[in-house]
Amino acid sequence: MHLVRIVTALLALCVITAGCAGGLPRDSQGTLDRVTGGVLRVGISEHPPFATVGADGQVGGEEAELVREYAASIDAEIDWMPGPESALAEAMKAGELDVVIGGFTEDSPFTGDMAFTRPYTTLERPDGSTAKVVMGVRPGENALMVDLELFLARTTGEI
């Protein structure tokens, strides 16, 4: 099983690397270029332990820390936008956000409003089943997606 994960990660890395030749992947709106050294607009929906928003507006949780680390890796400041999932999905669809976090799972109903990263961890649901956790990115922002996915893969030890 461990060998299968390693082989899968290596194949994914090969595909991503091959796609990067010749300036690919590209962002349709230039998001990665805009946020690198600039401001990363992040929507956050309360979902402990992944994402929390205190009464004072203080943002925390496992995903918030990952986003902070990612932003630091691209020298970006973060503009947090807390809200319910549905409002964040609308803001993403309108181009007002770059990334959305909040314990989203790959079977989220918001696939029409945002593109999801590859799963990078799992959560256990109250019924005992598990779900794969993802982050949301603006559809068409492929360079940002690949850069974020590579960061997540490195951070979680997948590659």
N, C-alpha and C. Protein backbone atom coordinates (compact mmCIF):
# COMPACT_ATOMS: atom_id res chain seq x y z
N MET A 1 0.83 -1.20 0.00
CA MET A 1 0.00 0.00 0.00
C MET A 1 0.87 1.26 0.00
N HIS A 2 1.92 1.23 0.81
CA HIS A 2 2.83 2.38 0.87
C HIS A 2 3.52 2.59 -0.48
N LEU A 3 3.92 1.49 -1.11
CA LEU A 3 4.57 1.56 -2.41
C LEU A 3 3.63 2.15 -3.46
N VAL A 4 2.36 1.78 -3.38
CA VAL A 4 1.37 2.32 -4.32
C VAL A 4 1.26 3.83 -4.17
N ARG A 5 1.27 4.34 -2.94
CA ARG A 5 1.19 5.79 -2.72
C ARG A 5 2.43 6.50 -3.27
N ILE A 6 3.59 5.89 -3.09
CA ILE A 6 4.82 6.49 -3.59
C ILE A 6 4.80 6.54 -5.11
N VAL A 7 4.41 5.43 -5.73
CA VAL A 7 4.35 5.38 -7.20
C VAL A 7 3.32 6.38 -7.72
N THR A 8 2.16 6.48 -7.06
CA THR A 8 1.12 7.43 -7.46
C THR A 8 1.64 8.86 -7.36
N ALA A 9 2.34 9.17 -6.26
CA ALA A 9 2.88 10.53 -6.08
C ALA A 9 3.93 10.84 -7.15
N LEU A 10 4.78 9.86 -7.45
CA LEU A 10 5.79 10.09 -8.48
C LEU A 10 5.17 10.29 -9.86
N LEU A 11 4.15 9.50 -10.17
CA LEU A 11 3.46 9.68 -11.45
C LEU A 11 2.79 11.05 -11.53
N ALA A 12 2.16 11.47 -10.43
CA ALA A 12 1.52 12.79 -10.40
C ALA A 12 2.56 13.88 -10.60
N LEU A 13 3.71 13.74 -9.95
CA LEU A 13 4.78 14.72 -10.10
C LEU A 13 5.27 14.77 -11.55
N CYS A 14 5.40 13.61 -12.19
CA CYS A 14 5.83 13.57 -13.60
C CYS A 14 4.83 14.28 -14.50
N VAL A 15 3.54 14.03 -14.27
CA VAL A 15 2.51 14.67 -15.08
C VAL A 15 2.52 16.17 -14.88
N ILE A 16 2.64 16.58 -13.61
CA ILE A 16 2.66 18.02 -13.31
C ILE A 16 3.90 18.67 -13.92
N THR A 17 5.05 18.02 -13.76
CA THR A 17 6.29 18.57 -14.31
C THR A 17 6.22 18.66 -15.83
N ALA A 18 5.70 17.63 -16.46
CA ALA A 18 5.58 17.66 -17.92
C ALA A 18 4.65 18.77 -18.36
N GLY A 19 3.59 19.01 -17.62
CA GLY A 19 2.64 20.06 -17.96
C GLY A 19 3.21 21.45 -17.77
N CYS A 20 4.27 21.57 -16.97
CA CYS A 20 4.86 22.87 -16.72
C CYS A 20 5.82 23.32 -17.82
N ALA A 21 6.17 22.43 -18.71
CA ALA A 21 7.07 22.78 -19.80
C ALA A 21 6.41 23.82 -20.70
N GLY A 22 7.18 24.75 -21.17
CA GLY A 22 6.64 25.75 -22.10
C GLY A 22 5.72 26.75 -21.44
N GLY A 23 5.89 26.98 -20.12
CA GLY A 23 5.07 27.98 -19.45
C GLY A 23 3.71 27.47 -19.02
N LEU A 24 3.49 26.18 -19.09
CA LEU A 24 2.23 25.61 -18.62
C LEU A 24 2.45 25.06 -17.23
N PRO A 25 1.50 24.99 -16.37
CA PRO A 25 0.14 25.46 -16.54
C PRO A 25 0.04 26.98 -16.40
N ARG A 26 -1.04 27.50 -16.88
CA ARG A 26 -1.27 28.95 -16.82
C ARG A 26 -2.55 29.24 -16.06
N ASP A 27 -2.61 30.42 -15.51
CA ASP A 27 -3.82 30.91 -14.86
C ASP A 27 -4.58 31.78 -15.84
N SER A 28 -5.87 31.55 -15.99
CA SER A 28 -6.66 32.36 -16.91
C SER A 28 -6.73 33.82 -16.46
N GLN A 29 -6.65 34.05 -15.15
CA GLN A 29 -6.72 35.42 -14.62
C GLN A 29 -5.39 35.88 -14.02
N GLY A 30 -4.33 35.08 -14.17
CA GLY A 30 -3.02 35.47 -13.66
C GLY A 30 -2.92 35.50 -12.14
N THR A 31 -3.67 34.66 -11.48
CA THR A 31 -3.74 34.71 -10.02
C THR A 31 -2.40 34.47 -9.34
N LEU A 32 -1.67 33.41 -9.72
CA LEU A 32 -0.40 33.13 -9.05
C LEU A 32 0.56 34.30 -9.19
N ASP A 33 0.64 34.90 -10.37
CA ASP A 33 1.50 36.07 -10.56
C ASP A 33 1.04 37.24 -9.68
N ARG A 34 -0.27 37.44 -9.58
CA ARG A 34 -0.82 38.57 -8.79
C ARG A 34 -0.56 38.39 -7.30
N VAL A 35 -0.74 37.16 -6.79
CA VAL A 35 -0.61 36.94 -5.35
C VAL A 35 0.83 36.78 -4.89
N THR A 36 1.72 36.35 -5.79
CA THR A 36 3.13 36.20 -5.41
C THR A 36 3.70 37.58 -5.12
N GLY A 37 4.09 37.79 -3.86
CA GLY A 37 4.57 39.09 -3.44
C GLY A 37 3.44 40.09 -3.24
N GLY A 38 2.20 39.63 -3.29
CA GLY A 38 1.03 40.50 -3.14
C GLY A 38 0.11 40.01 -2.04
N VAL A 39 -1.18 39.95 -2.35
CA VAL A 39 -2.19 39.58 -1.37
C VAL A 39 -2.97 38.36 -1.86
N LEU A 40 -3.04 37.32 -1.03
CA LEU A 40 -3.81 36.11 -1.29
C LEU A 40 -5.14 36.26 -0.56
N ARG A 41 -6.24 36.27 -1.32
CA ARG A 41 -7.58 36.44 -0.74
C ARG A 41 -8.13 35.06 -0.40
N VAL A 42 -8.33 34.81 0.90
CA VAL A 42 -8.71 33.48 1.37
C VAL A 42 -10.04 33.52 2.09
N GLY A 43 -10.99 32.74 1.59
CA GLY A 43 -12.26 32.57 2.27
C GLY A 43 -12.12 31.46 3.29
N ILE A 44 -12.70 31.66 4.46
CA ILE A 44 -12.61 30.65 5.52
C ILE A 44 -13.97 30.42 6.14
N SER A 45 -14.38 29.15 6.14
CA SER A 45 -15.63 28.74 6.74
C SER A 45 -15.32 27.94 8.01
N GLU A 46 -15.96 28.28 9.09
CA GLU A 46 -15.72 27.64 10.38
C GLU A 46 -15.97 26.13 10.29
N HIS A 47 -14.92 25.36 10.59
CA HIS A 47 -15.02 23.89 10.61
C HIS A 47 -13.84 23.34 11.42
N PRO A 48 -13.95 23.41 12.77
CA PRO A 48 -12.86 22.91 13.60
C PRO A 48 -12.63 21.41 13.34
N PRO A 49 -11.43 20.92 13.38
CA PRO A 49 -10.18 21.60 13.71
C PRO A 49 -9.50 22.22 12.49
N PHE A 50 -10.16 22.16 11.34
CA PHE A 50 -9.54 22.64 10.10
C PHE A 50 -9.49 24.16 10.03
N ALA A 51 -10.58 24.80 10.38
CA ALA A 51 -10.67 26.26 10.26
C ALA A 51 -11.53 26.81 11.38
N THR A 52 -11.01 27.82 12.07
CA THR A 52 -11.76 28.47 13.14
C THR A 52 -11.66 29.98 12.97
N VAL A 53 -12.71 30.66 13.40
CA VAL A 53 -12.72 32.12 13.40
C VAL A 53 -13.24 32.55 14.76
N GLY A 54 -12.38 33.22 15.53
CA GLY A 54 -12.76 33.67 16.86
C GLY A 54 -13.68 34.87 16.80
N ALA A 55 -14.28 35.17 17.94
CA ALA A 55 -15.17 36.33 18.04
C ALA A 55 -14.43 37.62 17.69
N ASP A 56 -13.12 37.62 17.93
CA ASP A 56 -12.30 38.80 17.62
C ASP A 56 -11.81 38.79 16.18
N GLY A 57 -12.27 37.79 15.39
CA GLY A 57 -11.86 37.71 14.00
C GLY A 57 -10.56 36.94 13.79
N GLN A 58 -9.96 36.47 14.88
CA GLN A 58 -8.71 35.73 14.79
C GLN A 58 -8.94 34.39 14.09
N VAL A 59 -8.15 34.11 13.07
CA VAL A 59 -8.29 32.90 12.26
C VAL A 59 -7.30 31.85 12.75
N GLY A 60 -7.78 30.60 12.85
CA GLY A 60 -6.92 29.52 13.30
C GLY A 60 -7.32 28.21 12.66
N GLY A 61 -6.71 27.14 13.13
CA GLY A 61 -7.00 25.81 12.63
C GLY A 61 -5.91 25.28 11.72
N GLU A 62 -5.97 23.96 11.48
CA GLU A 62 -4.95 23.28 10.69
C GLU A 62 -4.83 23.85 9.27
N GLU A 63 -5.95 24.07 8.60
CA GLU A 63 -5.89 24.60 7.23
C GLU A 63 -5.40 26.04 7.21
N ALA A 64 -5.81 26.81 8.19
CA ALA A 64 -5.36 28.21 8.25
C ALA A 64 -3.84 28.25 8.38
N GLU A 65 -3.27 27.35 9.18
CA GLU A 65 -1.82 27.30 9.32
C GLU A 65 -1.16 26.90 8.00
N LEU A 66 -1.76 25.91 7.30
CA LEU A 66 -1.22 25.53 5.99
C LEU A 66 -1.24 26.71 5.03
N VAL A 67 -2.33 27.46 5.02
CA VAL A 67 -2.44 28.62 4.13
C VAL A 67 -1.41 29.68 4.50
N ARG A 68 -1.20 29.88 5.79
CA ARG A 68 -0.17 30.85 6.22
C ARG A 68 1.20 30.43 5.71
N GLU A 69 1.51 29.13 5.84
CA GLU A 69 2.79 28.62 5.35
C GLU A 69 2.90 28.77 3.84
N TYR A 70 1.81 28.46 3.13
CA TYR A 70 1.82 28.61 1.68
C TYR A 70 2.04 30.07 1.29
N ALA A 71 1.30 30.97 1.94
CA ALA A 71 1.45 32.40 1.63
C ALA A 71 2.88 32.86 1.88
N ALA A 72 3.47 32.40 2.96
CA ALA A 72 4.86 32.77 3.24
C ALA A 72 5.79 32.25 2.14
N SER A 73 5.49 31.07 1.60
CA SER A 73 6.35 30.49 0.56
C SER A 73 6.31 31.28 -0.74
N ILE A 74 5.25 32.06 -0.95
CA ILE A 74 5.15 32.88 -2.16
C ILE A 74 5.22 34.37 -1.81
N ASP A 75 5.62 34.67 -0.56
CA ASP A 75 5.79 36.03 -0.10
C ASP A 75 4.50 36.85 -0.23
N ALA A 76 3.39 36.23 0.17
CA ALA A 76 2.09 36.89 0.06
C ALA A 76 1.52 37.20 1.43
N GLU A 77 0.81 38.31 1.52
CA GLU A 77 0.01 38.63 2.69
C GLU A 77 -1.34 37.95 2.50
N ILE A 78 -2.08 37.73 3.58
CA ILE A 78 -3.39 37.08 3.48
C ILE A 78 -4.48 38.06 3.87
N ASP A 79 -5.50 38.13 3.04
CA ASP A 79 -6.72 38.87 3.34
C ASP A 79 -7.80 37.81 3.59
N TRP A 80 -8.15 37.60 4.88
CA TRP A 80 -9.12 36.57 5.26
C TRP A 80 -10.54 37.09 5.07
N MET A 81 -11.41 36.24 4.53
CA MET A 81 -12.83 36.57 4.39
C MET A 81 -13.64 35.44 5.02
N PRO A 82 -14.05 35.59 6.29
CA PRO A 82 -14.85 34.55 6.92
C PRO A 82 -16.28 34.57 6.41
N GLY A 83 -16.90 33.39 6.39
CA GLY A 83 -18.30 33.30 5.98
C GLY A 83 -18.75 31.87 5.85
N PRO A 84 -20.05 31.68 5.65
CA PRO A 84 -20.56 30.33 5.42
C PRO A 84 -20.13 29.81 4.05
N GLU A 85 -20.08 28.50 3.91
CA GLU A 85 -19.63 27.88 2.66
C GLU A 85 -20.34 28.44 1.44
N SER A 86 -21.67 28.59 1.51
CA SER A 86 -22.43 29.04 0.34
C SER A 86 -22.02 30.46 -0.08
N ALA A 87 -21.81 31.35 0.89
CA ALA A 87 -21.39 32.72 0.57
C ALA A 87 -19.98 32.74 0.00
N LEU A 88 -19.10 31.89 0.52
CA LEU A 88 -17.74 31.82 0.00
C LEU A 88 -17.72 31.25 -1.41
N ALA A 89 -18.59 30.28 -1.67
CA ALA A 89 -18.68 29.72 -3.01
C ALA A 89 -19.13 30.79 -4.00
N GLU A 90 -20.07 31.61 -3.62
CA GLU A 90 -20.52 32.70 -4.49
C GLU A 90 -19.41 33.73 -4.71
N ALA A 91 -18.67 34.05 -3.64
CA ALA A 91 -17.57 35.00 -3.77
C ALA A 91 -16.47 34.43 -4.67
N MET A 92 -16.23 33.14 -4.57
CA MET A 92 -15.24 32.49 -5.43
C MET A 92 -15.71 32.56 -6.88
N LYS A 93 -16.96 32.25 -7.10
CA LYS A 93 -17.53 32.28 -8.46
C LYS A 93 -17.44 33.69 -9.06
N ALA A 94 -17.59 34.70 -8.21
CA ALA A 94 -17.52 36.09 -8.66
C ALA A 94 -16.08 36.60 -8.80
N GLY A 95 -15.10 35.75 -8.47
CA GLY A 95 -13.70 36.14 -8.61
C GLY A 95 -13.18 36.98 -7.46
N GLU A 96 -13.87 36.99 -6.33
CA GLU A 96 -13.47 37.81 -5.19
C GLU A 96 -12.50 37.10 -4.26
N LEU A 97 -12.31 35.78 -4.45
CA LEU A 97 -11.42 35.00 -3.61
C LEU A 97 -10.46 34.19 -4.48
N ASP A 98 -9.31 33.84 -3.89
CA ASP A 98 -8.33 33.02 -4.59
C ASP A 98 -8.34 31.59 -4.09
N VAL A 99 -8.53 31.42 -2.79
CA VAL A 99 -8.53 30.11 -2.14
C VAL A 99 -9.65 30.10 -1.11
N VAL A 100 -10.25 28.92 -0.91
CA VAL A 100 -11.29 28.77 0.12
C VAL A 100 -10.94 27.54 0.95
N ILE A 101 -11.02 27.71 2.29
CA ILE A 101 -10.77 26.60 3.21
C ILE A 101 -11.93 26.48 4.20
N GLY A 102 -11.99 25.33 4.84
CA GLY A 102 -13.03 25.12 5.84
C GLY A 102 -13.44 23.67 5.92
N GLY A 103 -12.49 22.76 5.80
CA GLY A 103 -12.82 21.34 5.88
C GLY A 103 -13.67 20.85 4.73
N PHE A 104 -13.52 21.48 3.57
CA PHE A 104 -14.27 21.04 2.39
C PHE A 104 -13.84 19.62 2.03
N THR A 105 -14.78 18.83 1.56
CA THR A 105 -14.46 17.47 1.12
C THR A 105 -14.66 17.37 -0.38
N GLU A 106 -14.04 16.35 -0.97
CA GLU A 106 -14.09 16.21 -2.43
C GLU A 106 -15.50 15.98 -2.95
N ASP A 107 -16.45 15.63 -2.08
CA ASP A 107 -17.83 15.45 -2.51
C ASP A 107 -18.70 16.66 -2.19
N SER A 108 -18.06 17.81 -1.98
CA SER A 108 -18.77 19.06 -1.68
C SER A 108 -19.70 19.44 -2.82
N PRO A 109 -20.83 20.06 -2.50
CA PRO A 109 -21.76 20.47 -3.56
C PRO A 109 -21.32 21.71 -4.33
N PHE A 110 -20.16 22.27 -4.02
CA PHE A 110 -19.73 23.52 -4.63
C PHE A 110 -18.78 23.34 -5.81
N THR A 111 -18.78 22.17 -6.42
CA THR A 111 -17.85 21.91 -7.53
C THR A 111 -18.11 22.80 -8.73
N GLY A 112 -19.27 23.37 -8.87
CA GLY A 112 -19.56 24.27 -9.98
C GLY A 112 -19.02 25.68 -9.75
N ASP A 113 -18.67 25.98 -8.49
CA ASP A 113 -18.22 27.33 -8.14
C ASP A 113 -16.71 27.44 -7.94
N MET A 114 -16.07 26.31 -7.70
CA MET A 114 -14.63 26.31 -7.46
C MET A 114 -14.03 24.99 -7.86
N ALA A 115 -12.74 25.00 -8.13
CA ALA A 115 -12.01 23.78 -8.42
C ALA A 115 -11.38 23.31 -7.12
N PHE A 116 -11.31 22.01 -6.92
CA PHE A 116 -10.75 21.48 -5.69
C PHE A 116 -9.36 20.91 -5.91
N THR A 117 -8.49 21.14 -4.93
CA THR A 117 -7.18 20.52 -4.95
C THR A 117 -7.34 19.02 -4.79
N ARG A 118 -6.25 18.31 -5.04
CA ARG A 118 -6.25 16.89 -4.72
C ARG A 118 -6.41 16.77 -3.20
N PRO A 119 -7.03 15.71 -2.73
CA PRO A 119 -7.16 15.54 -1.27
C PRO A 119 -5.77 15.48 -0.62
N TYR A 120 -5.65 16.09 0.54
CA TYR A 120 -4.37 16.08 1.23
C TYR A 120 -4.45 15.52 2.64
N THR A 121 -5.66 15.24 3.13
CA THR A 121 -5.86 14.59 4.42
C THR A 121 -7.27 14.03 4.45
N THR A 122 -7.61 13.36 5.52
CA THR A 122 -8.97 12.82 5.67
C THR A 122 -9.57 13.29 6.98
N LEU A 123 -10.88 13.24 7.04
CA LEU A 123 -11.59 13.53 8.28
C LEU A 123 -12.55 12.39 8.54
N GLU A 124 -12.86 12.22 9.81
CA GLU A 124 -13.83 11.20 10.17
C GLU A 124 -15.16 11.88 10.42
N ARG A 125 -16.18 11.37 9.75
CA ARG A 125 -17.53 11.93 9.90
C ARG A 125 -18.21 11.33 11.12
N PRO A 126 -19.26 11.98 11.62
CA PRO A 126 -19.96 11.48 12.81
C PRO A 126 -20.46 10.04 12.67
N ASP A 127 -20.76 9.62 11.43
CA ASP A 127 -21.26 8.25 11.24
C ASP A 127 -20.14 7.22 11.16
N GLY A 128 -18.88 7.67 11.35
CA GLY A 128 -17.75 6.77 11.32
C GLY A 128 -17.08 6.64 9.96
N SER A 129 -17.71 7.15 8.91
CA SER A 129 -17.09 7.11 7.59
C SER A 129 -16.02 8.19 7.49
N THR A 130 -15.19 8.09 6.48
CA THR A 130 -14.16 9.10 6.29
C THR A 130 -14.40 9.85 4.98
N ALA A 131 -13.85 11.04 4.91
CA ALA A 131 -13.95 11.85 3.70
C ALA A 131 -12.60 12.49 3.45
N LYS A 132 -12.29 12.73 2.20
CA LYS A 132 -11.02 13.35 1.82
C LYS A 132 -11.18 14.87 1.78
N VAL A 133 -10.24 15.56 2.44
CA VAL A 133 -10.30 17.02 2.58
C VAL A 133 -9.52 17.70 1.46
N VAL A 134 -10.11 18.78 0.94
CA VAL A 134 -9.54 19.54 -0.17
C VAL A 134 -9.64 21.03 0.13
N MET A 135 -8.96 21.84 -0.67
CA MET A 135 -9.12 23.30 -0.63
C MET A 135 -9.71 23.72 -1.96
N GLY A 136 -10.41 24.83 -1.97
CA GLY A 136 -11.00 25.35 -3.20
C GLY A 136 -10.14 26.45 -3.81
N VAL A 137 -10.09 26.46 -5.14
CA VAL A 137 -9.35 27.46 -5.91
C VAL A 137 -10.26 27.92 -7.04
N ARG A 138 -10.05 29.15 -7.51
CA ARG A 138 -10.84 29.64 -8.65
C ARG A 138 -10.66 28.74 -9.85
N PRO A 139 -11.74 28.34 -10.49
CA PRO A 139 -11.63 27.51 -11.69
C PRO A 139 -10.80 28.22 -12.76
N GLY A 140 -9.95 27.46 -13.44
CA GLY A 140 -9.12 28.01 -14.51
C GLY A 140 -7.79 28.55 -14.04
N GLU A 141 -7.60 28.62 -12.72
CA GLU A 141 -6.34 29.14 -12.19
C GLU A 141 -5.39 27.97 -11.95
N ASN A 142 -4.95 27.38 -13.06
CA ASN A 142 -4.19 26.13 -13.03
C ASN A 142 -2.80 26.27 -12.43
N ALA A 143 -2.12 27.38 -12.68
CA ALA A 143 -0.78 27.56 -12.09
C ALA A 143 -0.88 27.66 -10.58
N LEU A 144 -1.87 28.40 -10.08
CA LEU A 144 -2.09 28.49 -8.64
C LEU A 144 -2.42 27.12 -8.08
N MET A 145 -3.29 26.39 -8.76
CA MET A 145 -3.70 25.06 -8.30
C MET A 145 -2.48 24.14 -8.20
N VAL A 146 -1.66 24.09 -9.24
CA VAL A 146 -0.49 23.21 -9.23
C VAL A 146 0.49 23.63 -8.14
N ASP A 147 0.73 24.93 -8.00
CA ASP A 147 1.65 25.41 -6.98
C ASP A 147 1.15 25.06 -5.59
N LEU A 148 -0.13 25.25 -5.32
CA LEU A 148 -0.72 24.92 -4.02
C LEU A 148 -0.68 23.41 -3.78
N GLU A 149 -1.00 22.62 -4.80
CA GLU A 149 -0.98 21.16 -4.64
C GLU A 149 0.44 20.65 -4.36
N LEU A 150 1.42 21.19 -5.05
CA LEU A 150 2.81 20.79 -4.79
C LEU A 150 3.21 21.17 -3.36
N PHE A 151 2.81 22.34 -2.91
CA PHE A 151 3.08 22.75 -1.53
C PHE A 151 2.43 21.77 -0.56
N LEU A 152 1.16 21.44 -0.77
CA LEU A 152 0.46 20.51 0.12
C LEU A 152 1.13 19.13 0.10
N ALA A 153 1.52 18.66 -1.07
CA ALA A 153 2.17 17.36 -1.18
C ALA A 153 3.50 17.34 -0.43
N ARG A 154 4.27 18.42 -0.54
CA ARG A 154 5.54 18.50 0.19
C ARG A 154 5.29 18.58 1.70
N THR A 155 4.32 19.40 2.08
CA THR A 155 4.04 19.62 3.50
C THR A 155 3.52 18.35 4.19
N THR A 156 2.70 17.59 3.49
CA THR A 156 2.13 16.38 4.08
C THR A 156 3.02 15.16 3.90
N GLY A 157 4.18 15.35 3.26
CA GLY A 157 5.11 14.25 3.09
C GLY A 157 4.80 13.32 1.95
N GLU A 158 3.87 13.72 1.09
CA GLU A 158 3.53 12.87 -0.06
C GLU A 158 4.67 12.83 -1.07
N ILE A 159 5.36 13.96 -1.22
CA ILE A 159 6.56 13.99 -2.09
C ILE A 159 7.69 14.65 -1.34
